[in-house]
Amino acid sequence: MQSALYVSLSAQVAMEKRLATIANNVANMATGGFRADEIKFEEILSLAAKDNVSFASPGQSFISRRAGPVTKTDNPLDVAIQGEAWFAYQGASGPVYTRDGRFSMNENGDLVTVDGHAVLDSGGAPIVLDPLAGPPTISRDGTITQGGNQVGALGLFNLSSDSRLTRQGSSGVLSSIPGEVVQDFTSRGVQQGYSEGSNVNPVLEMTKMIALQRNFESAATTIQESESTLMDAIRTLGPSS
C-alpha cells in the first residue's frame, strides 16, 4: 500500500478546506461584527496496513468568538458590546445573534440592523423608537431613553460555550442553544457611539495562506515521488515479455 500517497492526498483535502476558510475570512475583513471561521483538525488512524497510518481529517469548522476592534463613530445609533455578549435581531425562524451594533431607525421608528432586520429587546420583542423625539441615549445596560423617557432597552444575550454556532448572513449567527438574557452588567455592557469591526486578523490570515501554499506544494511533491516509486516498482517487478 502506498501510504505516503494517500496520506498526502488527505492532507491536500484538508488544506483545500482551510484555504477556502482563509479566503472567506479575508473577504470579510471589513464586515462589521464578522466572526472568523476556524477549523479544528483531527488525526484519523488507519489499521488497514501492517503499521498504523495517520491521515488528516477534512477538519471541522467553527466560528471564532473573540472580540473585534472597536471604533469610535459618535453615531448615537452605533453600539458596541463590551465583554462576552450578543445582540439579537428577528430572523425568519427565530432570533439571530450578532455583534454588529450599527443600527438605524426607519421611517416607522423601528430600530433595525444594517440589513433591515428588527432589533430585539430582552423579551424578544422588536424595539420601536419615536422618530420625532430626537437622538436616543443608550446606557451601559442597554436602556434607551428619548427626551428623558425610557422607550426601550437593547437585549443582550449570553451564548453558552457548549452551543454550536452556524453562520446567518454576513455577521449573524444561529445558536444550537438559545441565548440567556444578560442581567449582570458588571463585566458586560454596551457603549454608545462605537462600533465593532471584524475579528479577522489580516496579517495572521495572510501568514497562514503563505504557509498553506508551501505545505500544499510539499504534499504535491510527495505524491509525485510516491507515484514515481510505484511506477518504478511495476517496471522492475512486472512480468517479463
Protein backbone atom coordinates (compact mmCIF):
# COMPACT_ATOMS: atom_id res chain seq x y z
CA MET A 1 0.00 0.00 0.00
CA GLN A 2 1.34 3.42 -0.98
CA SER A 3 0.70 5.06 2.41
CA ALA A 4 2.53 8.28 1.52
CA LEU A 5 0.26 8.80 -1.48
CA TYR A 6 -2.97 8.52 0.47
CA VAL A 7 -1.69 10.48 3.47
CA SER A 8 -0.62 13.32 1.16
CA LEU A 9 -3.99 13.27 -0.58
CA SER A 10 -5.81 13.52 2.77
CA ALA A 11 -3.58 16.44 3.69
CA GLN A 12 -4.39 18.23 0.43
CA VAL A 13 -8.13 17.78 1.01
CA ALA A 14 -7.76 19.30 4.49
CA MET A 15 -5.62 22.17 3.18
CA GLU A 16 -8.14 22.92 0.42
CA LYS A 17 -10.86 23.40 3.04
CA ARG A 18 -8.53 25.54 5.14
CA LEU A 19 -7.73 27.70 2.12
CA ALA A 20 -11.43 28.28 1.43
CA THR A 21 -11.88 29.32 5.07
CA ILE A 22 -8.97 31.77 4.92
CA ALA A 23 -10.28 33.25 1.66
CA ASN A 24 -13.71 33.84 3.24
CA ASN A 25 -12.14 35.44 6.30
CA VAL A 26 -10.00 37.77 4.19
CA ALA A 27 -13.04 38.74 2.09
CA ASN A 28 -14.85 39.83 5.28
CA MET A 29 -12.07 41.82 6.94
CA ALA A 30 -14.16 44.99 6.64
CA THR A 31 -17.54 43.43 7.54
CA GLY A 32 -18.82 44.91 10.80
CA GLY A 33 -19.20 42.37 13.60
CA PHE A 34 -17.99 39.49 11.40
CA ARG A 35 -16.67 36.44 13.24
CA ALA A 36 -13.88 34.50 11.56
CA ASP A 37 -14.16 30.82 10.68
CA GLU A 38 -11.60 28.46 12.16
CA ILE A 39 -11.01 24.76 11.52
CA LYS A 40 -10.17 22.06 14.05
CA PHE A 41 -8.28 19.12 12.56
CA GLU A 42 -8.14 15.61 13.95
CA GLU A 43 -5.97 12.60 13.24
CA ILE A 44 -7.58 9.57 11.63
CA LEU A 45 -5.73 6.32 12.36
CA SER A 46 -5.99 3.55 9.77
CA LEU A 47 -5.41 -0.06 10.82
CA ALA A 48 -5.71 -1.46 7.31
CA ALA A 49 -1.98 -1.52 6.76
CA LYS A 50 0.60 -3.60 8.62
CA ASP A 51 1.63 -0.50 10.55
CA ASN A 52 -0.73 2.19 11.79
CA VAL A 53 -1.07 5.05 9.30
CA SER A 54 -2.21 8.54 10.34
CA PHE A 55 -4.40 10.54 7.99
CA ALA A 56 -5.56 14.15 8.27
CA SER A 57 -9.33 14.60 8.62
CA PRO A 58 -11.06 17.19 6.39
CA GLY A 59 -11.46 19.30 9.53
CA GLN A 60 -14.42 20.62 11.50
CA SER A 61 -15.14 24.33 11.11
CA PHE A 62 -16.30 26.58 13.94
CA ILE A 63 -16.92 30.28 14.42
CA SER A 64 -14.40 32.21 16.49
CA ARG A 65 -15.90 34.17 19.38
CA ARG A 66 -13.02 36.53 20.07
CA ALA A 67 -13.89 40.22 20.01
CA GLY A 68 -13.08 42.53 17.13
CA PRO A 69 -11.62 46.05 17.27
CA VAL A 70 -13.91 48.85 18.42
CA THR A 71 -14.01 52.18 16.59
CA LYS A 72 -15.49 55.47 17.80
CA THR A 73 -18.12 56.77 15.38
CA ASP A 74 -20.13 59.26 17.50
CA ASN A 75 -23.26 57.95 15.77
CA PRO A 76 -25.94 57.68 18.52
CA LEU A 77 -27.33 54.50 16.95
CA ASP A 78 -23.96 52.74 16.77
CA VAL A 79 -23.50 50.49 19.80
CA ALA A 80 -20.55 48.24 20.67
CA ILE A 81 -20.64 45.41 23.17
CA GLN A 82 -18.13 45.30 25.99
CA GLY A 83 -17.47 41.77 27.20
CA GLU A 84 -18.89 38.45 26.04
CA ALA A 85 -22.47 39.04 24.89
CA TRP A 86 -24.55 39.34 21.73
CA PHE A 87 -27.35 41.47 20.32
CA ALA A 88 -30.33 39.73 18.73
CA TYR A 89 -32.47 40.53 15.71
CA GLN A 90 -35.55 38.90 14.25
CA GLY A 91 -34.76 36.12 11.80
CA ALA A 92 -37.02 34.01 9.61
CA SER A 93 -37.24 31.23 12.21
CA GLY A 94 -36.32 32.94 15.45
CA PRO A 95 -33.64 35.20 16.93
CA VAL A 96 -30.32 35.66 15.16
CA TYR A 97 -27.38 36.82 17.29
CA THR A 98 -24.82 39.37 16.20
CA ARG A 99 -22.03 41.62 17.43
CA ASP A 100 -22.72 44.18 14.71
CA GLY A 101 -24.30 47.12 16.51
CA ARG A 102 -24.55 49.53 13.56
CA PHE A 103 -28.26 50.17 13.97
CA SER A 104 -30.59 52.69 12.36
CA MET A 105 -34.17 53.86 12.71
CA ASN A 106 -36.59 53.51 9.80
CA GLU A 107 -39.47 55.84 8.98
CA ASN A 108 -41.76 53.98 11.40
CA GLY A 109 -39.32 54.31 14.28
CA ASP A 110 -38.28 50.63 14.20
CA LEU A 111 -34.71 50.02 15.33
CA VAL A 112 -33.15 47.84 12.62
CA THR A 113 -29.82 46.30 11.64
CA VAL A 114 -27.83 47.32 8.55
CA ASP A 115 -29.79 44.66 6.65
CA GLY A 116 -33.15 45.96 7.85
CA HIS A 117 -33.93 43.29 10.47
CA ALA A 118 -35.78 44.31 13.63
CA VAL A 119 -33.53 44.57 16.69
CA LEU A 120 -34.94 42.73 19.72
CA ASP A 121 -35.17 43.60 23.39
CA SER A 122 -34.51 41.13 26.20
CA GLY A 123 -38.04 39.74 25.86
CA GLY A 124 -37.63 39.04 22.16
CA ALA A 125 -39.85 41.93 21.04
CA PRO A 126 -38.89 44.48 18.34
CA ILE A 127 -37.68 47.85 19.62
CA VAL A 128 -39.64 50.90 18.44
CA LEU A 129 -38.34 54.45 18.93
CA ASP A 130 -40.03 57.83 18.46
CA PRO A 131 -38.87 59.34 15.15
CA LEU A 132 -39.80 62.82 16.41
CA ALA A 133 -38.14 62.66 19.84
CA GLY A 134 -34.57 63.22 18.67
CA PRO A 135 -31.44 61.08 19.04
CA PRO A 136 -31.69 58.40 21.75
CA THR A 137 -29.39 57.94 24.72
CA ILE A 138 -28.28 54.36 25.38
CA SER A 139 -26.87 53.44 28.77
CA ARG A 140 -24.46 50.63 29.64
CA ASP A 141 -27.28 48.19 30.42
CA GLY A 142 -28.91 48.90 27.06
CA THR A 143 -31.67 51.16 28.34
CA ILE A 144 -32.82 53.56 25.62
CA THR A 145 -34.20 56.99 26.53
CA GLN A 146 -35.52 59.85 24.40
CA GLY A 147 -36.40 63.22 25.88
CA GLY A 148 -35.80 61.83 29.37
CA ASN A 149 -38.29 58.98 28.88
CA GLN A 150 -37.39 55.30 28.59
CA VAL A 151 -38.60 53.97 25.24
CA GLY A 152 -36.96 50.55 25.20
CA ALA A 153 -33.90 48.51 26.02
CA LEU A 154 -31.45 46.60 23.87
CA GLY A 155 -31.43 42.88 24.56
CA LEU A 156 -28.03 41.44 25.47
CA PHE A 157 -27.65 37.68 25.38
CA ASN A 158 -25.05 35.21 26.55
CA LEU A 159 -24.40 32.21 24.30
CA SER A 160 -23.25 29.06 26.08
CA SER A 161 -19.77 27.83 25.25
CA ASP A 162 -21.39 24.45 24.53
CA SER A 163 -23.66 25.85 21.83
CA ARG A 164 -22.77 25.31 18.18
CA LEU A 165 -22.88 28.48 16.11
CA THR A 166 -23.82 28.48 12.43
CA ARG A 167 -23.45 31.50 10.19
CA GLN A 168 -26.51 33.51 9.22
CA GLY A 169 -26.00 36.37 6.78
CA SER A 170 -22.87 38.48 6.87
CA SER A 171 -22.41 38.89 10.62
CA GLY A 172 -25.21 36.94 12.30
CA VAL A 173 -25.14 33.50 13.92
CA LEU A 174 -27.71 30.92 14.92
CA SER A 175 -27.13 29.13 18.21
CA SER A 176 -27.99 25.50 18.91
CA ILE A 177 -28.77 26.58 22.49
CA PRO A 178 -31.00 29.68 22.95
CA GLY A 179 -29.20 32.71 24.36
CA GLU A 180 -29.68 33.67 28.01
CA VAL A 181 -30.53 37.27 28.85
CA VAL A 182 -27.63 39.16 30.44
CA GLN A 183 -28.66 40.60 33.80
CA ASP A 184 -25.31 41.41 35.38
CA PHE A 185 -23.65 44.40 33.68
CA THR A 186 -20.57 44.49 35.89
CA SER A 187 -18.29 42.99 33.26
CA ARG A 188 -20.59 43.28 30.25
CA GLY A 189 -22.48 46.14 28.70
CA VAL A 190 -22.78 48.41 25.70
CA GLN A 191 -21.05 51.60 24.62
CA GLN A 192 -22.95 54.14 22.56
CA GLY A 193 -21.25 55.88 19.67
CA TYR A 194 -18.89 52.98 18.93
CA SER A 195 -18.98 50.04 16.52
CA GLU A 196 -17.20 46.71 16.49
CA GLY A 197 -15.42 45.53 13.38
CA SER A 198 -14.46 42.11 12.08
CA ASN A 199 -12.30 39.95 14.33
CA VAL A 200 -10.25 38.76 11.34
CA ASN A 201 -6.52 39.40 11.76
CA PRO A 202 -5.37 40.16 8.18
CA VAL A 203 -1.66 39.69 8.88
CA LEU A 204 -2.26 36.34 10.56
CA GLU A 205 -4.56 35.16 7.76
CA MET A 206 -2.04 36.07 5.05
CA THR A 207 0.70 34.30 7.01
CA LYS A 208 -1.49 31.21 7.20
CA MET A 209 -2.16 31.40 3.46
CA ILE A 210 1.56 31.52 2.61
CA ALA A 211 2.36 28.59 4.91
CA LEU A 212 -0.59 26.66 3.50
CA GLN A 213 0.60 27.17 -0.06
CA ARG A 214 4.05 25.84 0.83
CA ASN A 215 2.57 22.81 2.59
CA PHE A 216 0.32 22.09 -0.38
CA GLU A 217 3.30 22.18 -2.74
CA SER A 218 5.21 19.86 -0.39
CA ALA A 219 2.31 17.39 -0.38
CA ALA A 220 2.13 17.54 -4.18
CA THR A 221 5.84 16.73 -4.38
CA THR A 222 5.35 13.76 -2.06
CA ILE A 223 2.54 12.46 -4.28
CA GLN A 224 4.69 12.77 -7.39
CA GLU A 225 7.57 10.94 -5.72
CA SER A 226 5.23 8.20 -4.50
CA GLU A 227 3.78 7.73 -7.98
CA SER A 228 7.27 7.59 -9.47
CA THR A 229 8.33 4.95 -6.92
CA LEU A 230 5.21 2.91 -7.70
CA MET A 231 5.84 3.04 -11.45
CA ASP A 232 9.48 2.01 -10.96
CA ALA A 233 8.36 -0.95 -8.86
CA ILE A 234 5.86 -2.03 -11.52
CA ARG A 235 8.50 -1.86 -14.24
CA THR A 236 11.01 -3.77 -12.10
CA LEU A 237 8.69 -6.45 -10.69
CA GLY A 238 6.29 -6.75 -13.61
CA PRO A 239 6.25 -9.94 -15.80
CA SER A 240 8.98 -10.08 -18.44
CA SER A 241 7.93 -10.21 -22.11
